[in-house]
Amino acid sequence: MFKPFQQFLEKELFGRFDLQSRPIPSGLESLVSERGKNPATIQSWCYECPELRKIRYTYIDAGETAQIFNSVIYPNYNYDLPLLGIDFLAFGQKKILVVLDFQPLFREQDYLDKYIEPMSAIRDKYKDLAQDLEMKFYDANQYFSKNLLFAKTDAETVIKRLFPAYQEYVQLYWQLIEQASPVTTIEASQRIIKAQKDYDQYSAERDPASGLFSSYFGHEWSERFLYEFLFEDAIPLAVTAGVK
């Protein structure tokens, strides 16, 4: 269901940036699970370029049971840009959840005006994909913007509405990168580094997908995938508890 989204992202990335492969820890690049009724395949890709320090995306294909496309793009530490977050999950043709956002690192009003407000025009075009849903695992005021797309939808809407909205969001993100000026002080860069690391820690501790990964690929592999690839700057809770 979401392969066209992956293909669009890849075409845009390779057409716009000087991408280099970024290593994925051994054993986490792909895996096939034979658990459950349908075999599930997970495959991930990771790149970097001068503007973006980490571009990761993952596709889970479990046939009609599940189709999942997830991506996060991290700007380099000398840019205070938000992260581009993409999370599309389909469990059959009608049980579909989509999340798309420029995830802000900071909450100051001038920052939000600069990076989040430009999304308003696109969001207004796709209000059917901006549903007022409750966030069960996250704080909506932390690492999410007021202009995110967040919706429960169906397969027809994915094709007719989500795909064009997604294209517009992604292309706007490239525009923000082109317009961005590098920070000029060590303090500003250090603040960005901390914000991105905090994002990884926050996300790793709350990501509901870890249970899904475990159901398909086992707990041990899923913990490695979560902490060594998806959110590699996060420290596992068991480790932090041991330190305390």
Protein backbone atom coordinates (compact mmCIF):
# COMPACT_ATOMS: atom_id res chain seq x y z
CA MET A 1 0.00 0.00 0.00
CA PHE A 2 2.76 2.48 0.90
CA LYS A 3 5.42 1.45 -1.65
CA PRO A 4 4.63 4.49 -3.86
CA PHE A 5 5.41 6.69 -0.83
CA GLN A 6 8.77 5.02 -0.39
CA GLN A 7 9.56 5.27 -4.10
CA PHE A 8 8.67 8.97 -4.17
CA LEU A 9 10.90 9.67 -1.18
CA GLU A 10 13.81 7.77 -2.72
CA LYS A 11 13.47 9.54 -6.07
CA GLU A 12 13.39 12.93 -4.34
CA LEU A 13 16.35 12.15 -2.09
CA PHE A 14 18.59 10.80 -4.82
CA GLY A 15 17.60 13.60 -7.19
CA ARG A 16 18.29 16.42 -4.72
CA PHE A 17 21.10 15.34 -2.43
CA ASP A 18 24.55 13.81 -2.65
CA LEU A 19 23.62 10.72 -0.67
CA GLN A 20 26.09 8.34 0.90
CA SER A 21 25.10 5.06 2.51
CA ARG A 22 25.05 5.17 6.29
CA PRO A 23 25.87 1.87 8.00
CA ILE A 24 23.05 -0.17 9.52
CA PRO A 25 24.16 -2.50 12.34
CA SER A 26 24.67 -6.06 11.16
CA GLY A 27 21.51 -8.15 11.17
CA LEU A 28 19.14 -5.17 11.31
CA GLU A 29 19.03 -4.34 7.57
CA SER A 30 16.32 -6.91 6.84
CA LEU A 31 14.59 -9.93 8.31
CA VAL A 32 11.83 -12.35 7.37
CA SER A 33 9.47 -13.61 10.06
CA GLU A 34 7.44 -16.77 9.67
CA ARG A 35 5.35 -16.06 12.75
CA GLY A 36 1.59 -15.73 12.42
CA LYS A 37 -0.57 -16.40 9.38
CA ASN A 38 1.40 -14.28 6.92
CA PRO A 39 5.18 -14.05 6.64
CA ALA A 40 6.41 -10.55 7.44
CA THR A 41 9.42 -8.94 5.81
CA ILE A 42 11.12 -5.88 7.28
CA GLN A 43 13.73 -3.94 5.33
CA SER A 44 15.50 -0.70 6.17
CA TRP A 45 17.66 1.84 4.37
CA CYS A 46 19.88 4.60 5.74
CA TYR A 47 21.77 7.49 4.12
CA GLU A 48 23.50 10.75 4.93
CA CYS A 49 24.52 13.89 3.06
CA PRO A 50 25.99 17.30 3.95
CA GLU A 51 22.59 18.71 4.92
CA LEU A 52 21.11 15.62 6.59
CA ARG A 53 23.04 13.49 9.06
CA LYS A 54 20.62 10.55 9.09
CA ILE A 55 17.92 9.59 6.62
CA ARG A 56 16.29 6.34 7.64
CA TYR A 57 13.23 4.55 6.39
CA THR A 58 11.75 1.13 6.96
CA TYR A 59 9.09 -0.94 5.22
CA ILE A 60 7.22 -3.86 6.78
CA ASP A 61 5.29 -6.03 4.36
CA ALA A 62 3.04 -8.66 5.90
CA GLY A 63 0.67 -8.90 2.95
CA GLU A 64 -2.93 -8.01 3.69
CA THR A 65 -2.28 -8.30 7.43
CA ALA A 66 0.03 -5.28 7.69
CA GLN A 67 1.78 -2.68 5.55
CA ILE A 68 3.96 -0.15 7.39
CA PHE A 69 6.18 2.66 6.14
CA ASN A 70 8.20 4.63 8.68
CA SER A 71 10.85 7.28 8.20
CA VAL A 72 12.64 9.97 10.16
CA ILE A 73 15.02 12.49 8.60
CA TYR A 74 17.52 14.17 10.93
CA PRO A 75 19.18 17.41 9.77
CA ASN A 76 22.85 17.87 10.45
CA TYR A 77 23.72 19.43 13.80
CA ASN A 78 24.56 22.80 12.26
CA TYR A 79 20.91 23.27 11.23
CA ASP A 80 18.09 23.82 13.72
CA LEU A 81 15.50 22.43 11.31
CA PRO A 82 12.73 20.17 12.62
CA LEU A 83 12.85 16.45 11.88
CA LEU A 84 10.69 15.05 9.10
CA GLY A 85 8.60 12.26 10.62
CA ILE A 86 6.55 9.80 8.58
CA ASP A 87 4.57 6.90 10.05
CA PHE A 88 1.96 5.12 7.94
CA LEU A 89 0.38 1.89 9.22
CA ALA A 90 -2.26 -0.25 7.52
CA PHE A 91 -3.80 -3.35 9.06
CA GLY A 92 -6.09 -4.39 6.24
CA GLN A 93 -7.90 -2.00 3.90
CA LYS A 94 -9.85 -0.06 6.52
CA LYS A 95 -7.75 0.03 9.67
CA ILE A 96 -5.18 2.63 8.64
CA LEU A 97 -3.36 5.19 10.78
CA VAL A 98 -1.21 7.94 9.28
CA VAL A 99 1.10 10.48 10.91
CA LEU A 100 3.11 13.10 9.01
CA ASP A 101 4.84 16.08 10.57
CA PHE A 102 7.78 18.44 10.77
CA GLN A 103 8.74 17.56 14.34
CA PRO A 104 10.00 20.69 16.11
CA LEU A 105 13.13 20.55 18.22
CA PHE A 106 12.23 23.77 20.05
CA ARG A 107 9.00 25.51 21.06
CA GLU A 108 9.96 29.19 20.87
CA GLN A 109 7.45 31.20 18.85
CA ASP A 110 9.97 32.50 16.32
CA TYR A 111 11.10 28.92 15.67
CA LEU A 112 7.52 27.76 15.14
CA ASP A 113 6.79 30.73 12.89
CA LYS A 114 9.84 29.94 10.78
CA TYR A 115 9.47 26.18 10.38
CA ILE A 116 5.95 25.12 11.35
CA GLU A 117 3.73 27.94 10.11
CA PRO A 118 4.66 27.30 6.43
CA MET A 119 2.80 23.97 6.67
CA SER A 120 -0.50 25.69 7.46
CA ALA A 121 -1.58 26.18 3.84
CA ILE A 122 -1.02 22.51 3.03
CA ARG A 123 -2.74 21.30 6.19
CA ASP A 124 -5.75 23.48 5.43
CA LYS A 125 -6.10 21.72 2.05
CA TYR A 126 -6.20 18.33 3.74
CA LYS A 127 -8.27 18.93 6.87
CA ASP A 128 -9.79 15.45 6.50
CA LEU A 129 -6.30 14.10 7.33
CA ALA A 130 -5.88 16.41 10.34
CA GLN A 131 -8.25 14.71 12.72
CA ASP A 132 -8.34 15.61 16.40
CA LEU A 133 -7.29 12.18 17.59
CA GLU A 134 -6.00 11.40 21.05
CA MET A 135 -2.31 10.57 21.30
CA LYS A 136 -2.14 7.53 23.55
CA PHE A 137 1.62 7.18 23.75
CA TYR A 138 2.97 10.68 23.18
CA ASP A 139 2.55 14.21 24.46
CA ALA A 140 1.09 16.16 21.52
CA ASN A 141 2.95 19.24 22.73
CA GLN A 142 6.35 17.59 22.59
CA TYR A 143 8.03 16.88 19.23
CA PHE A 144 4.76 17.33 17.34
CA SER A 145 3.50 20.46 15.65
CA LYS A 146 0.06 22.01 15.35
CA ASN A 147 0.19 21.33 11.60
CA LEU A 148 0.71 17.59 11.67
CA LEU A 149 -1.45 15.24 9.66
CA PHE A 150 -2.84 12.58 11.99
CA ALA A 151 -5.76 10.48 10.86
CA LYS A 152 -7.54 7.17 10.81
CA THR A 153 -8.49 6.53 7.22
CA ASP A 154 -9.03 3.98 4.43
CA ALA A 155 -7.19 2.69 1.37
CA GLU A 156 -8.99 4.96 -1.10
CA THR A 157 -8.13 8.06 0.92
CA VAL A 158 -4.50 6.94 1.11
CA ILE A 159 -4.29 7.05 -2.67
CA LYS A 160 -6.46 10.08 -3.41
CA ARG A 161 -5.67 12.36 -0.48
CA LEU A 162 -2.69 11.20 1.56
CA PHE A 163 -0.32 10.73 -1.36
CA PRO A 164 -0.64 14.29 -2.74
CA ALA A 165 -0.52 15.73 0.79
CA TYR A 166 2.61 13.72 1.49
CA GLN A 167 4.26 14.97 -1.70
CA GLU A 168 3.53 18.58 -0.77
CA TYR A 169 4.84 18.17 2.78
CA VAL A 170 8.06 16.52 1.59
CA GLN A 171 8.69 19.16 -1.06
CA LEU A 172 8.09 21.94 1.46
CA TYR A 173 10.64 20.31 3.73
CA TRP A 174 13.23 20.43 0.95
CA GLN A 175 12.46 24.14 0.54
CA LEU A 176 13.13 24.75 4.22
CA ILE A 177 16.46 22.94 3.90
CA GLU A 178 17.43 25.08 0.90
CA GLN A 179 16.57 28.26 2.79
CA ALA A 180 18.20 27.25 6.06
CA SER A 181 21.32 28.99 7.33
CA PRO A 182 23.81 27.08 9.47
CA VAL A 183 24.08 28.08 13.11
CA THR A 184 27.21 30.05 13.87
CA THR A 185 28.03 29.26 17.50
CA ILE A 186 29.16 26.17 19.37
CA GLU A 187 26.39 26.81 21.92
CA ALA A 188 23.70 26.72 19.22
CA SER A 189 25.10 23.51 17.77
CA GLN A 190 25.32 21.88 21.20
CA ARG A 191 21.68 22.80 21.83
CA ILE A 192 20.66 21.09 18.58
CA ILE A 193 22.69 17.99 19.45
CA LYS A 194 20.98 17.75 22.83
CA ALA A 195 17.52 18.27 21.30
CA GLN A 196 18.04 15.49 18.76
CA LYS A 197 19.39 13.11 21.40
CA ASP A 198 16.45 13.93 23.66
CA TYR A 199 14.11 13.21 20.75
CA ASP A 200 15.63 9.73 20.35
CA GLN A 201 15.36 9.00 24.07
CA TYR A 202 11.77 10.22 24.27
CA SER A 203 10.75 8.28 21.15
CA ALA A 204 12.46 5.03 22.09
CA GLU A 205 10.75 5.00 25.48
CA ARG A 206 7.28 5.57 24.02
CA ASP A 207 7.26 4.06 20.54
CA PRO A 208 4.27 1.67 20.42
CA ALA A 209 5.75 -0.07 17.37
CA SER A 210 8.22 -1.96 19.57
CA GLY A 211 5.45 -4.35 20.55
CA LEU A 212 4.57 -4.89 16.90
CA PHE A 213 8.21 -5.56 16.03
CA SER A 214 8.43 -8.06 18.87
CA SER A 215 5.33 -9.92 17.71
CA TYR A 216 6.86 -10.46 14.28
CA PHE A 217 10.59 -10.62 14.91
CA GLY A 218 11.07 -11.44 18.59
CA HIS A 219 11.93 -9.28 21.60
CA GLU A 220 15.72 -9.44 21.38
CA TRP A 221 15.89 -8.40 17.72
CA SER A 222 13.29 -5.68 18.25
CA GLU A 223 15.21 -4.14 21.16
CA ARG A 224 18.34 -4.01 19.01
CA PHE A 225 16.37 -2.47 16.13
CA LEU A 226 14.88 0.16 18.43
CA TYR A 227 18.10 1.22 20.18
CA GLU A 228 20.78 0.50 17.60
CA PHE A 229 19.01 1.77 14.50
CA LEU A 230 15.72 3.62 14.88
CA PHE A 231 16.77 5.72 17.88
CA GLU A 232 20.47 5.03 18.16
CA ASP A 233 21.16 7.94 20.52
CA ALA A 234 18.71 6.60 23.09
CA ILE A 235 19.96 4.66 26.10
CA PRO A 236 17.89 1.58 27.02
CA LEU A 237 15.91 2.03 30.22
CA ALA A 238 17.51 -1.06 31.74
CA VAL A 239 20.92 0.56 31.29
CA THR A 240 19.88 3.89 32.80
CA ALA A 241 18.28 2.07 35.73
CA GLY A 242 21.52 0.19 36.29
CA VAL A 243 23.48 3.44 36.32
CA LYS A 244 21.20 4.91 38.95
